[in-house]
Amino acid sequence: MLARARDDCQFAHNSDLILTETTNMYDFALTKHPSMVIAPGSSIYTGQHVTDTTGANSRVLLVCDSALRSLGLVDGVESSIRESGHMVSVFDDLQSDPKEASVNAAIKIAKEMDANCIVGLGGGSALDTSKVVAALAHDGENCEPYRLSNKPFGFRKTGLIALPTTAGTGSETTGTSIISQADGIKNWFWGPALKPDMALMDPELTVGLPAFWTFYTGMDAIVHSIESRTNRYRYAQNDGLAELGIRHGIANLEQAVLEPDSIEARSGMMLAAAYGGLAIGNTGCAVAHNIGHALGSIAQVPHGRAVSVALVQTMDWAIEGNREAFDAVGSIMHKKGAGQVADHLHAIAEKCNETLALNADEKSRVEEAVLAKDMVAEANIAMLDATARDAGQGDVEELAAKVLAA
């Protein structure tokens, strides 16, 4: 990992990313981005970071997935906050693809305790929830009016620290959250208020993640970087972030799945997720996320699986919008051009005993016409429009058919 960090430092020299090396810790300070710390065991210093962020005797709401407590991940973070002199309450009434009702319940608790710091602990669901809670803890109301930025978030007055327990969504570095309506329809929420003050990345928190989730959350990170590097809104200054995300993901995903105790591989995947999050925060996603979000809403296909399946099954179509950019992705993977990118991802999946195609049960829950319709729904159309290739008449139906035929 040290060699990789030094390689990254070369990139930092020519960007707004400042990398400083300390004992067993890499502290990233990014202009207009969260402060980032990655180090094994760093979560035990959560309380200290709360003090640094919001001062002594803070009132902290710890937002987490209830399953994390049985894994022993909540107690250490909660204790660290208490032992640093802060008051802490825990909200853990969360599920995958969090619903607006859960978010609103957490907002209510934050208001009642007059929380001045929110700590999010978990995967994308917990972090996305914690970000919206922090944005509305003092001002605002329930979250529904803020869907799709119909009402912009005001200036956030509450501190926000994100501790990811997966390496994929990049939620710890983005200004976006995905929250579901009661009927399962997913909506984007976005704005500067949702960007954490700090991403505290402890690879030890990801060691217990099962192989299935390690693989597909890791693929989510890689998809973020590939889409950022190739979509309509890519630009040279951001390409370096996306390329770092791809490099770290491709170099470490297989080892993280097959050797789950490898802190080096887990650290590499956390870097892949963080860089991918930063990259898409600047450019947005593309057709893979357009289809992936639709599959999640319609058939509850896990997000990382949905977007990675969508990426490889539609890549031959997307390549024609920006072959040069996809060639660059192939080069990063040490492959010959755009045409080998999907094949390489399939090969990694096979080594990890996973597949990048929907299974029969998932397909049975999706009708081609319904998928095509959801791809152009208000919540998803912007991602399709961001794809470098224009989707003309018949293309949406073709893309839906590709994903369901594989």
Protein backbone atom coordinates (compact mmCIF):
# COMPACT_ATOMS: atom_id res chain seq x y z
CA MET A 1 0.00 0.00 0.00
CA LEU A 2 2.87 2.38 0.69
CA ALA A 3 4.01 2.14 -2.93
CA ARG A 4 0.50 2.92 -4.15
CA ALA A 5 0.24 5.88 -1.81
CA ARG A 6 3.49 7.28 -3.15
CA ASP A 7 2.28 6.79 -6.71
CA ASP A 8 -0.85 8.74 -5.78
CA CYS A 9 1.32 11.51 -4.38
CA GLN A 10 2.63 12.17 -7.90
CA PHE A 11 -0.95 12.87 -8.93
CA ALA A 12 -1.45 15.01 -5.85
CA HIS A 13 1.43 17.23 -6.86
CA ASN A 14 -0.54 18.50 -9.85
CA SER A 15 -4.01 18.77 -8.34
CA ASP A 16 -5.98 20.06 -5.40
CA LEU A 17 -5.39 16.75 -3.60
CA ILE A 18 -2.81 16.99 -0.85
CA LEU A 19 -1.42 13.72 0.50
CA THR A 20 0.65 13.61 3.64
CA GLU A 21 2.29 10.45 4.94
CA THR A 22 2.34 9.78 8.67
CA THR A 23 2.89 6.63 10.70
CA ASN A 24 0.56 3.94 9.28
CA MET A 25 -1.88 6.63 8.18
CA TYR A 26 -2.57 8.61 5.05
CA ASP A 27 -4.45 11.84 5.63
CA PHE A 28 -6.03 13.37 2.53
CA ALA A 29 -7.08 17.01 2.63
CA LEU A 30 -9.07 17.90 -0.45
CA THR A 31 -10.12 21.38 -1.45
CA LYS A 32 -13.92 21.52 -1.39
CA HIS A 33 -14.00 17.81 -0.54
CA PRO A 34 -14.13 15.88 2.74
CA SER A 35 -11.02 15.45 4.79
CA MET A 36 -10.05 11.81 4.31
CA VAL A 37 -8.19 9.51 6.66
CA ILE A 38 -7.44 5.88 5.84
CA ALA A 39 -5.67 3.65 8.35
CA PRO A 40 -6.25 0.27 10.00
CA GLY A 41 -7.87 0.80 13.40
CA SER A 42 -8.59 4.47 12.80
CA SER A 43 -12.24 4.10 13.86
CA ILE A 44 -11.14 4.04 17.53
CA TYR A 45 -10.31 7.72 17.13
CA THR A 46 -13.84 8.67 16.07
CA GLY A 47 -14.40 10.61 19.29
CA GLN A 48 -11.27 12.66 18.71
CA HIS A 49 -12.46 13.51 15.20
CA VAL A 50 -15.83 14.57 16.59
CA THR A 51 -14.01 16.96 18.91
CA ASP A 52 -11.96 18.30 16.01
CA THR A 53 -15.11 18.75 13.91
CA THR A 54 -17.67 20.17 16.34
CA GLY A 55 -15.81 20.84 19.59
CA ALA A 56 -15.90 19.44 23.11
CA ASN A 57 -19.08 18.10 24.72
CA SER A 58 -20.82 17.57 21.39
CA ARG A 59 -24.25 15.96 21.04
CA VAL A 60 -23.80 13.11 18.58
CA LEU A 61 -26.33 10.96 16.76
CA LEU A 62 -24.69 7.75 15.53
CA VAL A 63 -26.62 6.46 12.50
CA CYS A 64 -25.92 2.81 11.67
CA ASP A 65 -27.35 -0.48 10.45
CA SER A 66 -28.62 -2.62 13.32
CA ALA A 67 -26.79 -5.66 11.92
CA LEU A 68 -23.48 -3.97 12.67
CA ARG A 69 -24.01 -4.22 16.42
CA SER A 70 -24.10 -8.03 16.31
CA LEU A 71 -20.80 -7.85 14.40
CA GLY A 72 -19.27 -5.78 17.18
CA LEU A 73 -18.69 -2.72 14.98
CA VAL A 74 -20.99 -0.27 16.76
CA ASP A 75 -19.77 -0.61 20.33
CA GLY A 76 -16.21 0.48 19.59
CA VAL A 77 -17.27 3.60 17.73
CA GLU A 78 -19.91 4.47 20.31
CA SER A 79 -17.42 4.00 23.15
CA SER A 80 -14.85 6.17 21.42
CA ILE A 81 -17.37 8.99 21.14
CA ARG A 82 -18.43 8.68 24.81
CA GLU A 83 -14.87 8.40 26.11
CA SER A 84 -14.02 11.65 24.32
CA GLY A 85 -16.60 13.43 26.45
CA HIS A 86 -19.51 13.58 24.02
CA MET A 87 -23.13 12.60 24.49
CA VAL A 88 -24.19 9.98 21.94
CA SER A 89 -27.46 8.38 20.90
CA VAL A 90 -27.73 5.56 18.38
CA PHE A 91 -30.27 5.31 15.57
CA ASP A 92 -30.20 1.87 13.95
CA ASP A 93 -33.72 1.43 12.54
CA LEU A 94 -32.34 1.07 9.02
CA GLN A 95 -32.65 -1.36 6.16
CA SER A 96 -31.00 -1.74 2.79
CA ASP A 97 -32.29 0.90 0.38
CA PRO A 98 -33.45 3.13 3.25
CA LYS A 99 -36.99 4.44 3.15
CA GLU A 100 -37.95 8.06 3.69
CA ALA A 101 -39.86 7.10 6.85
CA SER A 102 -36.65 5.85 8.49
CA VAL A 103 -34.78 8.98 7.46
CA ASN A 104 -37.53 11.17 8.87
CA ALA A 105 -37.50 9.23 12.15
CA ALA A 106 -33.77 9.86 12.47
CA ILE A 107 -34.22 13.56 11.65
CA LYS A 108 -36.79 13.79 14.44
CA ILE A 109 -34.39 12.26 16.97
CA ALA A 110 -31.58 14.59 15.86
CA LYS A 111 -33.85 17.60 16.36
CA GLU A 112 -35.06 16.39 19.76
CA MET A 113 -31.53 15.92 21.07
CA ASP A 114 -30.31 19.10 19.36
CA ALA A 115 -27.50 17.09 17.75
CA ASN A 116 -24.58 19.13 16.52
CA CYS A 117 -22.75 16.16 14.97
CA ILE A 118 -23.98 13.17 12.95
CA VAL A 119 -21.76 10.13 12.58
CA GLY A 120 -22.73 7.66 9.86
CA LEU A 121 -21.43 4.09 10.26
CA GLY A 122 -22.14 1.45 7.66
CA GLY A 123 -22.60 0.88 3.96
CA GLY A 124 -24.20 3.22 1.49
CA SER A 125 -27.63 2.98 3.13
CA ALA A 126 -26.41 4.18 6.54
CA LEU A 127 -24.16 6.86 5.08
CA ASP A 128 -26.82 8.17 2.71
CA THR A 129 -29.25 8.39 5.62
CA SER A 130 -26.77 10.12 7.91
CA LYS A 131 -26.04 12.77 5.27
CA VAL A 132 -29.68 13.75 4.81
CA VAL A 133 -30.19 13.73 8.59
CA ALA A 134 -27.23 16.08 9.07
CA ALA A 135 -28.53 18.44 6.39
CA LEU A 136 -31.97 18.66 8.03
CA ALA A 137 -31.10 18.26 11.73
CA HIS A 138 -31.60 21.94 12.50
CA ASP A 139 -33.27 23.54 9.53
CA GLY A 140 -35.78 22.10 7.14
CA GLU A 141 -38.39 19.41 7.59
CA ASN A 142 -38.96 15.84 6.53
CA CYS A 143 -36.91 14.76 3.54
CA GLU A 144 -39.62 14.33 0.88
CA PRO A 145 -39.59 17.96 -0.40
CA TYR A 146 -35.87 17.61 -1.18
CA ARG A 147 -36.25 14.76 -3.69
CA LEU A 148 -34.38 15.42 -6.93
CA SER A 149 -33.40 18.81 -5.51
CA ASN A 150 -36.97 20.08 -5.93
CA LYS A 151 -36.14 22.06 -2.80
CA PRO A 152 -32.43 22.78 -2.26
CA PHE A 153 -30.80 22.02 1.06
CA GLY A 154 -29.74 25.03 3.08
CA PHE A 155 -26.33 25.52 4.67
CA ARG A 156 -25.59 22.57 6.94
CA LYS A 157 -25.09 23.59 10.58
CA THR A 158 -24.39 20.09 11.87
CA GLY A 159 -21.06 18.26 11.73
CA LEU A 160 -20.95 15.13 9.60
CA ILE A 161 -18.45 12.25 9.79
CA ALA A 162 -18.75 9.14 7.61
CA LEU A 163 -17.27 5.73 8.54
CA PRO A 164 -17.84 3.26 5.68
CA THR A 165 -18.00 -0.46 6.43
CA THR A 166 -18.08 -1.38 2.74
CA ALA A 167 -15.83 -0.28 -0.10
CA GLY A 168 -18.02 0.62 -3.03
CA THR A 169 -20.67 3.32 -2.90
CA GLY A 170 -18.25 6.18 -2.26
CA SER A 171 -20.99 7.85 -0.24
CA GLU A 172 -18.33 8.95 2.25
CA THR A 173 -16.96 11.42 -0.35
CA THR A 174 -20.03 12.48 -2.34
CA GLY A 175 -22.69 15.14 -1.98
CA THR A 176 -25.49 12.75 -2.95
CA SER A 177 -27.79 10.28 -1.23
CA ILE A 178 -30.28 7.75 -2.55
CA ILE A 179 -33.43 7.31 -0.48
CA SER A 180 -36.46 5.18 -1.41
CA GLN A 181 -40.10 6.10 -1.26
CA ALA A 182 -42.48 3.77 0.57
CA ASP A 183 -43.27 2.04 -2.75
CA GLY A 184 -39.58 1.32 -3.41
CA ILE A 185 -38.98 4.02 -6.01
CA LYS A 186 -35.49 5.44 -5.50
CA ASN A 187 -34.84 9.17 -5.53
CA TRP A 188 -31.64 11.18 -5.62
CA PHE A 189 -30.96 13.86 -3.05
CA TRP A 190 -27.99 16.15 -3.62
CA GLY A 191 -26.25 19.35 -2.65
CA PRO A 192 -23.14 20.62 -0.85
CA ALA A 193 -24.86 20.07 2.51
CA LEU A 194 -24.64 16.30 1.95
CA LYS A 195 -20.88 16.22 1.58
CA PRO A 196 -19.29 14.91 4.83
CA ASP A 197 -16.74 16.94 6.74
CA MET A 198 -14.64 13.82 7.13
CA ALA A 199 -14.40 10.36 5.59
CA LEU A 200 -12.83 8.15 8.27
CA MET A 201 -11.87 4.95 6.48
CA ASP A 202 -10.82 1.99 8.61
CA PRO A 203 -10.21 -1.10 6.42
CA GLU A 204 -10.60 -3.33 9.46
CA LEU A 205 -14.31 -2.45 9.46
CA THR A 206 -14.69 -4.17 6.06
CA VAL A 207 -12.91 -7.44 6.88
CA GLY A 208 -16.09 -9.25 7.93
CA LEU A 209 -18.01 -8.32 4.80
CA PRO A 210 -19.13 -11.52 3.01
CA ALA A 211 -17.61 -12.35 -0.38
CA PHE A 212 -20.83 -11.55 -2.29
CA TRP A 213 -21.01 -8.04 -0.89
CA THR A 214 -17.27 -7.48 -1.12
CA PHE A 215 -17.38 -8.28 -4.82
CA TYR A 216 -20.45 -6.29 -5.82
CA THR A 217 -19.74 -3.24 -3.68
CA GLY A 218 -16.22 -3.31 -5.10
CA MET A 219 -17.64 -3.50 -8.62
CA ASP A 220 -19.79 -0.48 -7.79
CA ALA A 221 -16.62 1.49 -7.06
CA ILE A 222 -15.06 0.40 -10.36
CA VAL A 223 -18.24 1.27 -12.28
CA HIS A 224 -18.24 4.75 -10.74
CA SER A 225 -14.74 5.41 -12.00
CA ILE A 226 -15.32 3.91 -15.45
CA GLU A 227 -18.48 5.94 -15.96
CA SER A 228 -16.84 9.13 -14.72
CA ARG A 229 -13.88 8.56 -17.06
CA THR A 230 -16.05 7.92 -20.13
CA ASN A 231 -19.26 9.93 -19.84
CA ARG A 232 -20.32 13.14 -21.53
CA TYR A 233 -19.18 15.35 -18.66
CA ARG A 234 -15.68 13.94 -18.20
CA TYR A 235 -12.84 16.45 -18.18
CA ALA A 236 -9.09 16.16 -18.02
CA GLN A 237 -8.60 17.46 -14.48
CA ASN A 238 -11.00 14.83 -13.13
CA ASP A 239 -9.74 11.95 -15.24
CA GLY A 240 -6.87 11.35 -12.81
CA LEU A 241 -9.28 10.65 -9.94
CA ALA A 242 -11.29 8.22 -12.05
CA GLU A 243 -8.14 6.47 -13.26
CA LEU A 244 -6.87 6.05 -9.70
CA GLY A 245 -10.22 4.54 -8.77
CA ILE A 246 -9.99 2.05 -11.65
CA ARG A 247 -6.38 1.14 -10.85
CA HIS A 248 -7.01 0.52 -7.16
CA GLY A 249 -10.20 -1.43 -7.86
CA ILE A 250 -8.77 -3.68 -10.54
CA ALA A 251 -5.59 -4.31 -8.52
CA ASN A 252 -7.35 -5.25 -5.28
CA LEU A 253 -10.86 -6.60 -5.87
CA GLU A 254 -9.98 -10.24 -6.49
CA GLN A 255 -7.67 -10.39 -3.47
CA ALA A 256 -10.23 -8.67 -1.23
CA VAL A 257 -12.79 -11.33 -2.14
CA LEU A 258 -10.53 -14.40 -2.03
CA GLU A 259 -8.31 -13.27 0.86
CA PRO A 260 -10.81 -11.36 3.01
CA ASP A 261 -8.36 -10.75 5.87
CA SER A 262 -5.94 -8.87 3.63
CA ILE A 263 -5.78 -5.35 5.05
CA GLU A 264 -3.77 -4.24 2.02
CA ALA A 265 -6.49 -5.35 -0.38
CA ARG A 266 -9.25 -3.92 1.82
CA SER A 267 -7.37 -0.61 1.99
CA GLY A 268 -6.96 -0.61 -1.76
CA MET A 269 -10.69 -1.09 -2.25
CA MET A 270 -11.48 1.74 0.17
CA LEU A 271 -9.26 3.98 -1.94
CA ALA A 272 -11.05 2.77 -5.07
CA ALA A 273 -14.40 3.67 -3.51
CA ALA A 274 -13.22 7.07 -2.29
CA TYR A 275 -11.66 8.04 -5.62
CA GLY A 276 -14.72 6.76 -7.48
CA GLY A 277 -16.98 8.83 -5.24
CA LEU A 278 -14.91 11.96 -5.79
CA ALA A 279 -14.89 11.36 -9.54
CA ILE A 280 -18.65 10.89 -9.96
CA GLY A 281 -19.23 13.83 -7.65
CA ASN A 282 -17.67 15.95 -10.38
CA THR A 283 -19.14 14.30 -13.49
CA GLY A 284 -22.09 12.14 -12.50
CA CYS A 285 -22.70 8.59 -13.73
CA ALA A 286 -24.08 7.20 -17.00
CA VAL A 287 -26.16 4.41 -18.53
CA ALA A 288 -25.02 1.65 -16.14
CA HIS A 289 -26.37 3.59 -13.18
CA ASN A 290 -29.44 4.60 -15.16
CA ILE A 291 -30.32 0.92 -15.64
CA GLY A 292 -29.00 -0.11 -12.24
CA HIS A 293 -31.29 2.30 -10.40
CA ALA A 294 -34.24 1.11 -12.45
CA LEU A 295 -33.45 -2.53 -11.62
CA GLY A 296 -33.17 -1.65 -7.95
CA SER A 297 -36.55 0.07 -7.91
CA ILE A 298 -38.38 -2.56 -9.98
CA ALA A 299 -36.81 -5.81 -8.83
CA GLN A 300 -34.75 -4.94 -5.72
CA VAL A 301 -31.53 -6.11 -7.39
CA PRO A 302 -28.69 -5.06 -5.02
CA HIS A 303 -27.20 -1.81 -6.23
CA GLY A 304 -23.61 -2.92 -6.87
CA ARG A 305 -24.79 -6.03 -8.69
CA ALA A 306 -27.32 -4.08 -10.76
CA VAL A 307 -24.90 -1.41 -11.99
CA SER A 308 -22.06 -3.85 -12.72
CA VAL A 309 -24.37 -6.14 -14.74
CA ALA A 310 -25.71 -3.11 -16.59
CA LEU A 311 -22.20 -1.82 -17.32
CA VAL A 312 -20.85 -4.94 -18.99
CA GLN A 313 -24.06 -5.79 -20.84
CA THR A 314 -24.38 -2.33 -22.43
CA MET A 315 -20.71 -1.48 -22.90
CA ASP A 316 -20.57 -2.44 -26.58
CA TRP A 317 -23.30 0.16 -27.16
CA ALA A 318 -21.79 2.85 -24.90
CA ILE A 319 -18.30 2.51 -26.37
CA GLU A 320 -19.44 4.08 -29.64
CA GLY A 321 -20.06 7.36 -27.83
CA ASN A 322 -16.45 7.76 -26.72
CA ARG A 323 -14.20 4.94 -27.92
CA GLU A 324 -11.06 6.90 -27.06
CA ALA A 325 -12.08 7.16 -23.40
CA PHE A 326 -12.94 3.45 -23.21
CA ASP A 327 -9.60 2.67 -24.86
CA ALA A 328 -7.98 4.60 -22.00
CA VAL A 329 -9.86 2.44 -19.50
CA GLY A 330 -8.62 -0.66 -21.31
CA SER A 331 -5.08 0.65 -21.13
CA ILE A 332 -5.39 1.21 -17.37
CA MET A 333 -6.41 -2.44 -17.09
CA HIS A 334 -3.38 -3.41 -19.20
CA LYS A 335 -5.71 -4.63 -21.94
CA LYS A 336 -5.77 -3.78 -25.63
CA GLY A 337 -8.48 -1.21 -26.07
CA ALA A 338 -12.12 -0.72 -25.27
CA GLY A 339 -13.29 -4.09 -26.54
CA GLN A 340 -11.49 -6.00 -23.78
CA VAL A 341 -12.81 -4.03 -20.80
CA ALA A 342 -16.02 -6.02 -20.35
CA ASP A 343 -14.17 -9.31 -20.94
CA HIS A 344 -11.67 -8.42 -18.22
CA LEU A 345 -14.43 -7.62 -15.74
CA HIS A 346 -16.15 -10.92 -16.57
CA ALA A 347 -12.85 -12.71 -15.92
CA ILE A 348 -12.46 -11.09 -12.50
CA ALA A 349 -16.04 -12.04 -11.64
CA GLU A 350 -15.40 -15.66 -12.63
CA LYS A 351 -12.30 -15.81 -10.43
CA CYS A 352 -14.42 -14.45 -7.57
CA ASN A 353 -17.14 -17.08 -8.24
CA GLU A 354 -19.67 -14.43 -9.25
CA THR A 355 -21.41 -13.49 -12.51
CA LEU A 356 -22.16 -10.23 -14.29
CA ALA A 357 -25.54 -11.27 -15.65
CA LEU A 358 -28.96 -11.36 -14.05
CA ASN A 359 -30.12 -14.74 -12.79
CA ALA A 360 -33.45 -16.32 -13.65
CA ASP A 361 -35.15 -15.12 -10.47
CA GLU A 362 -34.07 -11.51 -11.05
CA LYS A 363 -35.21 -11.62 -14.67
CA SER A 364 -38.60 -12.97 -13.62
CA ARG A 365 -39.21 -9.78 -11.64
CA VAL A 366 -38.50 -7.43 -14.57
CA GLU A 367 -40.50 -6.84 -17.74
CA GLU A 368 -38.57 -5.31 -20.63
CA ALA A 369 -41.18 -2.61 -21.26
CA VAL A 370 -41.30 -1.65 -17.57
CA LEU A 371 -37.50 -1.43 -17.40
CA ALA A 372 -37.37 0.75 -20.51
CA LYS A 373 -40.05 3.04 -19.10
CA ASP A 374 -38.22 3.41 -15.79
CA MET A 375 -34.97 4.24 -17.58
CA VAL A 376 -36.55 7.48 -18.85
CA ALA A 377 -38.34 8.32 -15.58
CA GLU A 378 -37.50 11.63 -13.92
CA ALA A 379 -35.30 10.00 -11.27
CA ASN A 380 -33.12 8.24 -13.88
CA ILE A 381 -33.12 10.15 -17.16
CA ALA A 382 -30.23 12.47 -16.25
CA MET A 383 -27.87 9.48 -16.03
CA LEU A 384 -28.90 8.29 -19.48
CA ASP A 385 -28.39 11.80 -20.84
CA ALA A 386 -24.91 11.92 -19.28
CA THR A 387 -23.81 8.91 -21.35
CA ALA A 388 -21.45 10.01 -24.12
CA ARG A 389 -23.57 8.25 -26.74
CA ASP A 390 -27.00 9.75 -27.40
CA ALA A 391 -29.86 7.35 -26.85
CA GLY A 392 -31.96 7.66 -29.99
CA GLN A 393 -35.31 6.16 -30.87
CA GLY A 394 -35.32 2.47 -30.03
CA ASP A 395 -32.04 2.58 -28.08
CA VAL A 396 -33.68 2.49 -24.65
CA GLU A 397 -35.62 -0.63 -25.55
CA GLU A 398 -32.47 -2.17 -27.05
CA LEU A 399 -30.49 -1.49 -23.89
CA ALA A 400 -33.22 -2.95 -21.67
CA ALA A 401 -33.30 -6.05 -23.88
CA LYS A 402 -29.49 -6.46 -23.68
CA VAL A 403 -29.55 -6.53 -19.89
CA LEU A 404 -32.42 -9.02 -19.73
CA ALA A 405 -31.14 -11.28 -22.50
CA ALA A 406 -27.69 -11.93 -21.00
